[in-house]
C-alpha cells in the first residue's frame, strides 16, 4: 500500500508465501487476500494499516492449553456445551460413614440448583437432564480405602476408584448407554467439596466422564451441605473449563496483619471461581445482612466471603453461550461500547475484549443485581436464615485473561490485582471510574440503570 505520490510504501502481508487476489472491502478500510505455501491455502483480512480488522471477534480468541483451558478451543475430549447433557447421579455411602437420611433428601440440597443454574446461565442453550438412581450404594470398604492425593489441590480426598465402584454396584439397575457423565454423591452430612475425575470410562458401550461431590471428609459431621454449585463447577470441567482460583493458597496470602478496624473480604467471581480480595471496614454497610431467628428475633452480620455466582462473560463465550454479535473485539486505539448486563444481555453486547498479544486479553463486562448475583439464601445449622451478600454494588468488572496459564495458576486476574489477589476495594467500576491495564484505560462514561457505556483508550 502506498500514498498517491508513491511515498509511504507498506507491505500488508508477511512471510515467504505466494499472495493472490487482493480485494478491498466496500468501505476501503480492510483488505482481503489469499496466500499459498505448499499445500496450505489461507485467507487473511487486514486493516488498512496492516492491523487486524477492528470488529473481528476471532482476534480475541487466544489458543489455550491442551487440557482444561482458559482459551480456545475447548478440548476435543470435553462434552458439548450446547445440547442436552445427560447426568447419571449415583449416591454412595461407606460402612464406617453410613448415610442416616434418604437419597431424596440428599438430592434436594443439590440437584434442583444444579439444573436451574446451568440452564439459566447458558441462556437456555444447555439442557441438563438428571437421571438419579435413588439408593445408597454401600461401598465394600471404609472411606479411607478410596482416599488418594487430589493432584490439582494436593488435598486428600475420595478418588476415582470409589466412583468406578459405584458404577459397578449400580450394575444393571442403571442404563448408561445414553449417559454423558456420572456424578457420584457422597453423604453431605460427612463430606464436602467436589472433583472432576476424568473421562475414558466405558460402560454399556458409552465413554463416560466422571465427577463427584463430597469427596473430602468434613472435620465434624453436620447438617446437609448445599452442593449444587459444586456439582455445576465439576460438570463444566467435563466440558473443558479450567479452575480460576489458586491451587496454592499462598499466592493470595495477605502480608502482615489487617489494618485496625478492617477485615479481609474474599470475592469469588463466577462458576470457575476467579478470586480477589480487599480490606474493608469491619462494619461496612455494603456487607451487612440480617439474620432471622426462629423466635422472631433478628440480628445483624457482616459478610467476609462474597460468592458472586453469575458466570463470567469470558467463560460463557468459551462455551458458545455468547455469540459473536454479543462480543465486541477492540483492535482500534479508541472505542466506545455499551454493555448489557451479562446475566440478561438479550441481543445486546455482553462483553468487550481487547487483545494484547497472541495469548492475553482484557475483558470488560457489566454486572447488575440480577439472577445469581443477587445474593445467596443461607440457613445456619440452628435454623436461622439470611441472604448473604454477593454483588454488593453494581458496576463494570475488568479482568485479564492469559490463555497459556494452566488452571489453578491464575489464568484470569481482576484488574488492579497487586500481585497476591489484593485489590483496593470491591473491584467494579462506577460512573466516572477508570482503570488502566497494559496501556489501555477503561472508563465508565454512562450508566442508565440498564446498561453501562465504557470508553477504551490506548
Protein backbone atom coordinates (compact mmCIF):
# COMPACT_ATOMS: atom_id res chain seq x y z
CA UNK A 1 0.00 0.00 0.00
CA UNK A 2 1.38 3.39 -0.98
CA UNK A 3 0.32 7.03 -0.93
CA UNK A 4 -0.81 8.57 -4.22
CA UNK A 5 2.61 10.19 -4.70
CA UNK A 6 4.40 6.87 -4.27
CA UNK A 7 5.61 7.52 -0.72
CA UNK A 8 4.83 5.57 2.44
CA UNK A 9 5.13 2.14 0.85
CA UNK A 10 3.97 -0.56 3.30
CA UNK A 11 3.75 -4.32 2.89
CA UNK A 12 0.44 -5.65 4.21
CA UNK A 13 1.30 -9.34 4.30
CA UNK A 14 4.14 -11.17 5.98
CA UNK A 15 6.15 -14.32 5.41
CA UNK A 16 7.60 -16.16 2.43
CA UNK A 17 4.39 -17.16 0.68
CA UNK A 18 2.58 -16.61 -2.59
CA UNK A 19 -0.08 -13.91 -2.27
CA UNK A 20 -3.03 -13.62 -4.64
CA UNK A 21 -6.32 -11.91 -5.36
CA UNK A 22 -6.30 -8.83 -3.10
CA UNK A 23 -9.69 -7.13 -2.72
CA UNK A 24 -10.72 -4.04 -0.77
CA UNK A 25 -13.82 -4.06 1.43
CA UNK A 26 -16.58 -1.70 0.22
CA UNK A 27 -15.64 0.94 2.81
CA UNK A 28 -11.95 0.82 1.82
CA UNK A 29 -10.85 0.04 5.37
CA UNK A 30 -9.89 -3.62 5.03
CA UNK A 31 -8.08 -5.81 2.54
CA UNK A 32 -8.76 -9.48 1.88
CA UNK A 33 -6.16 -11.67 0.18
CA UNK A 34 -5.19 -15.31 -0.20
CA UNK A 35 -1.84 -16.94 0.49
CA UNK A 36 -0.43 -20.20 -0.82
CA UNK A 37 2.52 -22.10 0.65
CA UNK A 38 2.93 -25.68 -0.47
CA UNK A 39 -0.43 -27.35 0.06
CA UNK A 40 -1.59 -24.77 2.62
CA UNK A 41 -4.08 -22.17 1.36
CA UNK A 42 -5.23 -19.44 3.74
CA UNK A 43 -7.38 -16.30 3.58
CA UNK A 44 -6.47 -13.17 5.55
CA UNK A 45 -8.24 -9.92 6.32
CA UNK A 46 -6.07 -6.99 7.40
CA UNK A 47 -6.96 -3.42 8.30
CA UNK A 48 -5.99 -0.54 6.04
CA UNK A 49 -2.91 -0.01 8.21
CA UNK A 50 -1.97 -3.68 8.22
CA UNK A 51 -3.70 -4.38 11.55
CA UNK A 52 -6.41 -6.99 12.17
CA UNK A 53 -9.89 -5.75 11.34
CA UNK A 54 -11.39 -3.95 14.32
CA UNK A 55 -14.52 -5.97 14.99
CA UNK A 56 -13.39 -9.45 14.04
CA UNK A 57 -14.15 -11.49 17.16
CA UNK A 58 -11.70 -14.26 16.23
CA UNK A 59 -8.84 -11.89 17.11
CA UNK A 60 -9.98 -12.15 20.73
CA UNK A 61 -9.97 -15.95 20.87
CA UNK A 62 -6.47 -16.92 22.02
CA UNK A 63 -5.42 -20.55 21.86
CA UNK A 64 -5.38 -22.28 25.22
CA UNK A 65 -3.77 -25.29 26.83
CA UNK A 66 -4.44 -28.82 25.67
CA UNK A 67 -6.24 -29.85 28.87
CA UNK A 68 -8.93 -27.83 30.65
CA UNK A 69 -8.37 -24.30 29.41
CA UNK A 70 -8.99 -20.58 29.73
CA UNK A 71 -8.61 -20.24 25.95
CA UNK A 72 -9.98 -21.59 22.69
CA UNK A 73 -10.97 -24.12 21.55
CA UNK A 74 -12.27 -26.26 24.37
CA UNK A 75 -10.54 -29.67 24.41
CA UNK A 76 -11.73 -32.31 22.00
CA UNK A 77 -12.42 -34.79 24.81
CA UNK A 78 -14.86 -32.38 26.51
CA UNK A 79 -18.61 -32.81 26.42
CA UNK A 80 -20.52 -30.48 24.09
CA UNK A 81 -21.74 -27.34 25.84
CA UNK A 82 -24.79 -26.75 23.62
CA UNK A 83 -27.31 -29.58 23.66
CA UNK A 84 -28.71 -31.99 26.24
CA UNK A 85 -26.26 -33.18 28.89
CA UNK A 86 -27.48 -36.41 30.48
CA UNK A 87 -26.13 -36.89 34.00
CA UNK A 88 -26.46 -40.17 35.90
CA UNK A 89 -26.50 -39.41 39.64
CA UNK A 90 -25.34 -42.19 41.95
CA UNK A 91 -25.44 -41.97 45.76
CA UNK A 92 -22.76 -43.84 47.72
CA UNK A 93 -22.01 -44.22 51.43
CA UNK A 94 -19.49 -46.32 53.38
CA UNK A 95 -19.57 -48.95 56.12
CA UNK A 96 -17.87 -46.52 58.52
CA UNK A 97 -19.87 -43.50 57.32
CA UNK A 98 -23.41 -44.69 56.59
CA UNK A 99 -25.99 -42.18 55.44
CA UNK A 100 -28.71 -41.54 58.03
CA UNK A 101 -31.05 -39.81 55.58
CA UNK A 102 -32.68 -40.70 52.27
CA UNK A 103 -31.21 -40.11 48.83
CA UNK A 104 -34.23 -37.92 48.06
CA UNK A 105 -33.27 -35.63 50.95
CA UNK A 106 -29.68 -35.56 49.67
CA UNK A 107 -30.81 -34.80 46.15
CA UNK A 108 -32.95 -31.88 47.31
CA UNK A 109 -29.94 -29.88 48.53
CA UNK A 110 -28.10 -30.15 45.21
CA UNK A 111 -29.87 -31.31 42.09
CA UNK A 112 -32.53 -28.59 41.65
CA UNK A 113 -29.89 -25.84 41.96
CA UNK A 114 -27.51 -27.68 39.63
CA UNK A 115 -30.10 -27.98 36.88
CA UNK A 116 -31.52 -24.48 37.29
CA UNK A 117 -28.11 -22.84 37.44
CA UNK A 118 -26.60 -24.35 34.29
CA UNK A 119 -29.75 -23.98 32.20
CA UNK A 120 -30.12 -20.33 33.27
CA UNK A 121 -26.52 -19.15 32.84
CA UNK A 122 -26.36 -20.88 29.43
CA UNK A 123 -29.32 -18.69 28.34
CA UNK A 124 -31.20 -21.95 27.72
CA UNK A 125 -28.57 -23.37 25.34
CA UNK A 126 -27.71 -26.27 27.66
CA UNK A 127 -30.38 -28.72 28.78
CA UNK A 128 -29.33 -30.70 31.86
CA UNK A 129 -31.19 -34.00 32.17
CA UNK A 130 -30.65 -35.68 35.55
CA UNK A 131 -31.10 -39.44 35.88
CA UNK A 132 -30.93 -40.14 39.63
CA UNK A 133 -30.65 -43.67 40.99
CA UNK A 134 -32.29 -43.35 44.40
CA UNK A 135 -30.46 -45.90 46.51
CA UNK A 136 -27.48 -45.56 48.84
CA UNK A 137 -24.88 -47.80 47.24
CA UNK A 138 -22.84 -49.21 50.14
CA UNK A 139 -19.11 -49.28 49.32
CA UNK A 140 -17.27 -52.52 50.02
CA UNK A 141 -14.56 -50.79 52.07
CA UNK A 142 -14.35 -47.93 54.57
CA UNK A 143 -13.95 -44.47 53.06
CA UNK A 144 -10.19 -44.23 53.77
CA UNK A 145 -9.61 -47.16 51.44
CA UNK A 146 -10.57 -44.92 48.50
CA UNK A 147 -8.54 -41.89 49.58
CA UNK A 148 -5.72 -40.51 47.48
CA UNK A 149 -4.00 -37.18 46.91
CA UNK A 150 -6.02 -35.00 44.56
CA UNK A 151 -3.41 -33.89 42.02
CA UNK A 152 -4.84 -30.43 41.43
CA UNK A 153 -5.06 -29.26 45.04
CA UNK A 154 -2.81 -31.63 46.96
CA UNK A 155 -5.62 -32.46 49.37
CA UNK A 156 -6.56 -35.97 50.47
CA UNK A 157 -9.91 -36.97 49.03
CA UNK A 158 -12.01 -39.84 47.76
CA UNK A 159 -10.58 -40.98 44.45
CA UNK A 160 -11.85 -42.11 41.10
CA UNK A 161 -11.91 -45.72 42.37
CA UNK A 162 -14.97 -45.03 44.51
CA UNK A 163 -16.92 -43.68 41.52
CA UNK A 164 -15.92 -46.68 39.44
CA UNK A 165 -17.08 -48.90 42.31
CA UNK A 166 -20.41 -47.02 42.42
CA UNK A 167 -20.94 -47.72 38.71
CA UNK A 168 -20.16 -51.38 39.37
CA UNK A 169 -22.62 -51.52 42.28
CA UNK A 170 -25.36 -49.88 40.22
CA UNK A 171 -24.92 -52.71 37.75
CA UNK A 172 -27.90 -53.40 35.53
CA UNK A 173 -30.14 -51.08 37.54
CA UNK A 174 -28.85 -48.05 35.57
CA UNK A 175 -28.68 -47.87 31.77
CA UNK A 176 -25.52 -45.90 30.95
CA UNK A 177 -25.86 -46.27 27.18
CA UNK A 178 -27.11 -42.71 26.68
CA UNK A 179 -25.36 -41.04 29.65
CA UNK A 180 -22.66 -38.37 29.22
CA UNK A 181 -21.32 -38.01 32.76
CA UNK A 182 -21.70 -39.89 36.03
CA UNK A 183 -21.96 -37.74 39.16
CA UNK A 184 -21.30 -39.68 42.38
CA UNK A 185 -22.67 -38.04 45.53
CA UNK A 186 -21.38 -38.96 48.99
CA UNK A 187 -23.36 -38.07 52.17
CA UNK A 188 -23.04 -34.30 52.56
CA UNK A 189 -23.57 -34.69 56.31
CA UNK A 190 -19.99 -36.02 56.41
CA UNK A 191 -18.33 -34.87 53.16
CA UNK A 192 -17.98 -31.67 51.12
CA UNK A 193 -16.15 -30.23 48.07
CA UNK A 194 -16.03 -31.89 44.64
CA UNK A 195 -13.72 -33.08 41.88
CA UNK A 196 -13.78 -33.92 38.17
CA UNK A 197 -12.27 -37.37 37.78
CA UNK A 198 -11.57 -37.53 34.05
CA UNK A 199 -13.01 -39.46 31.12
CA UNK A 200 -12.39 -42.68 29.23
CA UNK A 201 -14.62 -44.86 31.39
CA UNK A 202 -16.62 -47.20 29.20
CA UNK A 203 -19.92 -48.64 30.41
CA UNK A 204 -22.75 -50.09 28.32
CA UNK A 205 -20.78 -49.16 25.20
CA UNK A 206 -20.58 -45.50 26.20
CA UNK A 207 -17.50 -43.44 27.11
CA UNK A 208 -18.38 -41.57 30.29
CA UNK A 209 -16.98 -38.60 32.12
CA UNK A 210 -16.73 -38.89 35.91
CA UNK A 211 -17.32 -36.30 38.63
CA UNK A 212 -18.13 -36.43 42.32
CA UNK A 213 -19.32 -34.13 45.07
CA UNK A 214 -18.46 -34.68 48.71
CA UNK A 215 -15.04 -36.18 48.16
CA UNK A 216 -13.37 -34.51 51.21
CA UNK A 217 -14.22 -35.56 54.77
CA UNK A 218 -15.72 -32.82 56.93
CA UNK A 219 -13.87 -32.23 60.24
CA UNK A 220 -17.14 -32.84 62.08
CA UNK A 221 -20.44 -34.23 60.80
CA UNK A 222 -23.30 -31.78 60.49
CA UNK A 223 -26.40 -30.94 58.52
CA UNK A 224 -26.91 -31.47 54.82
CA UNK A 225 -24.48 -29.39 52.76
CA UNK A 226 -25.81 -27.49 49.70
CA UNK A 227 -23.64 -28.87 46.88
CA UNK A 228 -25.45 -27.80 43.69
CA UNK A 229 -22.89 -25.10 42.85
CA UNK A 230 -20.00 -27.52 43.43
CA UNK A 231 -21.62 -30.05 41.10
CA UNK A 232 -22.14 -27.44 38.36
CA UNK A 233 -18.46 -26.47 38.68
CA UNK A 234 -17.34 -30.08 38.22
CA UNK A 235 -19.63 -30.63 35.23
CA UNK A 236 -18.08 -27.63 33.49
CA UNK A 237 -14.67 -29.29 33.92
CA UNK A 238 -16.19 -32.15 31.93
CA UNK A 239 -16.88 -29.64 29.15
CA UNK A 240 -13.32 -28.26 29.32
CA UNK A 241 -13.32 -25.14 31.50
CA UNK A 242 -10.41 -24.75 33.90
CA UNK A 243 -10.10 -23.70 37.55
CA UNK A 244 -9.55 -19.97 38.05
CA UNK A 245 -8.75 -19.98 41.78
CA UNK A 246 -5.18 -20.54 43.08
CA UNK A 247 -4.34 -24.12 43.99
CA UNK A 248 -1.52 -22.73 46.12
CA UNK A 249 -3.33 -20.58 48.70
CA UNK A 250 -0.10 -18.72 49.46
CA UNK A 251 -0.49 -16.92 46.13
CA UNK A 252 -3.33 -14.92 47.70
CA UNK A 253 -1.99 -14.55 51.22
CA UNK A 254 -2.02 -11.15 52.91
CA UNK A 255 1.30 -9.80 54.09
CA UNK A 256 1.06 -8.56 57.67
CA UNK A 257 -1.99 -8.10 59.86
CA UNK A 258 -5.19 -6.39 58.73
CA UNK A 259 -5.28 -2.65 59.49
CA UNK A 260 -7.10 -1.69 62.68
CA UNK A 261 -10.86 -1.80 62.26
CA UNK A 262 -10.57 -3.64 58.94
CA UNK A 263 -11.32 -7.20 57.90
CA UNK A 264 -10.41 -9.17 54.82
CA UNK A 265 -13.17 -9.78 52.27
CA UNK A 266 -12.71 -12.58 49.73
CA UNK A 267 -14.56 -12.26 46.43
CA UNK A 268 -15.26 -15.27 44.22
CA UNK A 269 -16.34 -14.48 40.64
CA UNK A 270 -18.33 -16.91 38.54
CA UNK A 271 -18.68 -20.67 38.45
CA UNK A 272 -14.97 -21.39 37.88
CA UNK A 273 -14.03 -19.10 40.79
CA UNK A 274 -11.84 -16.20 39.73
CA UNK A 275 -10.69 -14.77 43.06
CA UNK A 276 -9.72 -11.40 44.51
CA UNK A 277 -9.77 -9.86 47.98
CA UNK A 278 -9.68 -6.48 49.72
CA UNK A 279 -9.71 -4.94 53.18
CA UNK A 280 -12.99 -3.30 54.26
CA UNK A 281 -14.27 -1.66 57.43
CA UNK A 282 -15.49 -4.34 59.81
CA UNK A 283 -18.92 -2.66 59.78
CA UNK A 284 -19.03 -1.77 56.07
CA UNK A 285 -22.74 -1.26 55.28
CA UNK A 286 -22.33 -2.98 51.90
CA UNK A 287 -21.52 -6.22 53.70
CA UNK A 288 -24.35 -6.05 56.25
CA UNK A 289 -27.04 -8.70 56.24
CA UNK A 290 -29.84 -9.68 58.63
CA UNK A 291 -30.25 -12.99 60.42
CA UNK A 292 -33.85 -14.07 61.13
CA UNK A 293 -34.17 -16.48 64.03
CA UNK A 294 -36.92 -18.97 64.79
CA UNK A 295 -38.12 -16.97 67.81
CA UNK A 296 -38.78 -13.93 65.61
CA UNK A 297 -35.65 -12.07 66.66
CA UNK A 298 -33.27 -10.53 64.12
CA UNK A 299 -29.55 -9.84 64.39
CA UNK A 300 -27.02 -8.28 62.03
CA UNK A 301 -23.96 -9.84 60.50
CA UNK A 302 -21.23 -8.69 58.11
CA UNK A 303 -20.09 -10.88 55.24
CA UNK A 304 -16.44 -11.51 54.52
CA UNK A 305 -16.88 -14.01 51.70
CA UNK A 306 -18.74 -12.84 48.58
CA UNK A 307 -19.86 -15.60 46.21
CA UNK A 308 -20.81 -13.77 43.01
CA UNK A 309 -22.28 -16.70 41.15
CA UNK A 310 -23.25 -15.30 37.74
CA UNK A 311 -20.86 -16.90 35.26
CA UNK A 312 -18.14 -14.70 33.77
CA UNK A 313 -18.74 -13.47 30.23
CA UNK A 314 -15.41 -14.97 29.17
CA UNK A 315 -16.44 -18.48 30.28
CA UNK A 316 -19.78 -18.09 28.53
CA UNK A 317 -18.02 -17.13 25.31
CA UNK A 318 -15.71 -20.14 25.56
CA UNK A 319 -18.81 -22.33 25.85
CA UNK A 320 -20.56 -20.74 22.88
CA UNK A 321 -23.31 -19.31 25.07
CA UNK A 322 -22.39 -15.80 23.91
CA UNK A 323 -22.37 -15.28 20.15
CA UNK A 324 -20.01 -13.12 18.10
CA UNK A 325 -22.67 -10.41 17.89
CA UNK A 326 -22.67 -10.21 21.70
CA UNK A 327 -18.88 -9.75 21.90
CA UNK A 328 -17.07 -6.59 20.79
CA UNK A 329 -13.42 -7.24 19.94
CA UNK A 330 -11.47 -3.98 20.14
CA UNK A 331 -8.37 -3.52 17.99
CA UNK A 332 -8.62 0.21 17.35
CA UNK A 333 -6.83 2.73 19.62
CA UNK A 334 -10.10 4.18 20.93
CA UNK A 335 -13.59 2.74 21.20
CA UNK A 336 -16.90 3.26 22.97
CA UNK A 337 -19.02 0.23 23.86
CA UNK A 338 -22.43 -0.04 25.52
CA UNK A 339 -22.61 -3.19 27.62
CA UNK A 340 -25.76 -5.06 28.58
CA UNK A 341 -25.69 -6.98 31.89
CA UNK A 342 -24.05 -10.37 31.49
CA UNK A 343 -26.85 -12.05 33.45
CA UNK A 344 -29.51 -10.92 30.96
CA UNK A 345 -27.88 -9.45 27.84
CA UNK A 346 -30.72 -10.09 25.42
CA UNK A 347 -29.43 -9.15 21.97
CA UNK A 348 -27.01 -6.57 23.39
CA UNK A 349 -23.24 -6.67 23.70
CA UNK A 350 -22.34 -8.58 26.88
CA UNK A 351 -18.56 -8.38 26.69
CA UNK A 352 -15.83 -6.16 25.29
CA UNK A 353 -12.41 -7.73 24.74
CA UNK A 354 -9.07 -6.10 23.94
CA UNK A 355 -6.39 -8.48 22.60
CA UNK A 356 -2.92 -7.59 23.90
CA UNK A 357 -0.98 -10.31 22.09
CA UNK A 358 -1.45 -13.91 20.97
CA UNK A 359 -2.46 -15.13 24.44
CA UNK A 360 -3.52 -12.16 26.60
CA UNK A 361 -6.85 -10.31 26.51
CA UNK A 362 -8.50 -7.59 28.61
CA UNK A 363 -12.19 -8.41 29.28
CA UNK A 364 -14.87 -5.88 30.27
CA UNK A 365 -18.40 -6.79 31.37
CA UNK A 366 -21.39 -5.25 33.15
CA UNK A 367 -22.62 -6.72 36.42
CA UNK A 368 -26.11 -5.95 37.77
CA UNK A 369 -28.02 -7.35 40.72
CA UNK A 370 -29.79 -9.85 38.50
CA UNK A 371 -30.01 -13.61 38.51
CA UNK A 372 -27.39 -15.34 40.62
CA UNK A 373 -25.66 -12.06 41.54
CA UNK A 374 -28.49 -11.03 43.89
CA UNK A 375 -27.30 -12.90 46.97
CA UNK A 376 -27.25 -16.35 48.49
CA UNK A 377 -30.04 -17.67 50.70
CA UNK A 378 -28.45 -19.43 53.66
CA UNK A 379 -29.74 -21.44 56.62
CA UNK A 380 -27.48 -21.93 59.63
CA UNK A 381 -27.37 -25.30 61.43
CA UNK A 382 -29.51 -23.92 64.27
CA UNK A 383 -32.18 -22.78 61.78
CA UNK A 384 -31.52 -19.01 61.45
CA UNK A 385 -31.82 -17.73 57.89
CA UNK A 386 -30.28 -14.86 55.96
CA UNK A 387 -29.41 -13.72 52.45
CA UNK A 388 -25.65 -13.46 52.29
CA UNK A 389 -24.41 -10.52 50.18
CA UNK A 390 -22.97 -11.32 46.76
CA UNK A 391 -22.63 -8.45 44.26
CA UNK A 392 -22.54 -5.64 46.83
CA UNK A 393 -22.54 -2.83 44.23
CA UNK A 394 -23.37 -2.82 40.53
CA UNK A 395 -20.72 -1.77 38.05
CA UNK A 396 -18.24 -2.76 35.37
CA UNK A 397 -15.86 -5.66 36.00
CA UNK A 398 -12.48 -5.61 34.25
CA UNK A 399 -10.08 -8.55 34.25
CA UNK A 400 -7.29 -10.06 32.19
CA UNK A 401 -7.01 -13.49 30.57
CA UNK A 402 -3.75 -15.29 29.84
CA UNK A 403 -4.79 -18.39 27.92
CA UNK A 404 -1.47 -20.25 28.19
CA UNK A 405 -1.54 -20.32 32.00
CA UNK A 406 -2.89 -23.57 33.41
CA UNK A 407 -5.84 -23.86 35.75
CA UNK A 408 -5.02 -23.20 39.39
CA UNK A 409 -2.16 -20.88 38.40
CA UNK A 410 -4.39 -17.81 37.85
CA UNK A 411 -5.08 -17.55 34.12
CA UNK A 412 -7.63 -14.82 34.95
CA UNK A 413 -6.91 -11.86 37.23
CA UNK A 414 -9.05 -8.92 38.30
CA UNK A 415 -7.74 -5.56 37.09
CA UNK A 416 -5.83 -3.83 39.85
CA UNK A 417 -4.53 -7.09 41.34
CA UNK A 418 -1.44 -6.08 43.31
CA UNK A 419 0.18 -9.46 42.73
CA UNK A 420 -1.33 -11.51 45.54
CA UNK A 421 -5.01 -11.13 44.62
CA UNK A 422 -5.49 -7.94 46.64
CA UNK A 423 -7.38 -5.02 45.12
CA UNK A 424 -8.06 -1.63 46.67
CA UNK A 425 -11.81 -2.14 47.10
CA UNK A 426 -14.69 -4.15 45.72
CA UNK A 427 -13.44 -4.39 42.12
CA UNK A 428 -16.18 -2.90 39.96
CA UNK A 429 -16.07 0.49 38.27
CA UNK A 430 -18.88 3.00 38.75
CA UNK A 431 -19.82 6.04 36.67
CA UNK A 432 -16.70 8.15 36.13
CA UNK A 433 -14.29 5.50 37.43
CA UNK A 434 -11.28 4.40 35.36
CA UNK A 435 -8.67 1.67 35.44
CA UNK A 436 -5.55 1.35 33.29
CA UNK A 437 -4.42 -2.11 32.24
CA UNK A 438 -1.45 -2.83 29.95
CA UNK A 439 -1.60 0.64 28.42
CA UNK A 440 -5.39 0.74 27.93
CA UNK A 441 -7.61 2.99 30.05
CA UNK A 442 -11.18 1.79 30.59
CA UNK A 443 -13.64 4.43 31.85
CA UNK A 444 -17.33 4.12 32.71
CA UNK A 445 -18.80 7.01 30.71
CA UNK A 446 -22.52 6.35 31.30
CA UNK A 447 -24.87 4.25 33.44
CA UNK A 448 -28.57 4.36 32.58
CA UNK A 449 -29.55 1.73 35.13
CA UNK A 450 -29.81 -0.97 32.48
CA UNK A 451 -26.55 -0.67 30.55
CA UNK A 452 -23.04 0.64 31.15
CA UNK A 453 -21.20 2.58 28.45
CA UNK A 454 -17.42 2.35 28.60
CA UNK A 455 -14.65 4.07 26.69
CA UNK A 456 -11.47 2.17 25.93
CA UNK A 457 -8.40 4.22 25.03
CA UNK A 458 -4.92 3.06 24.15
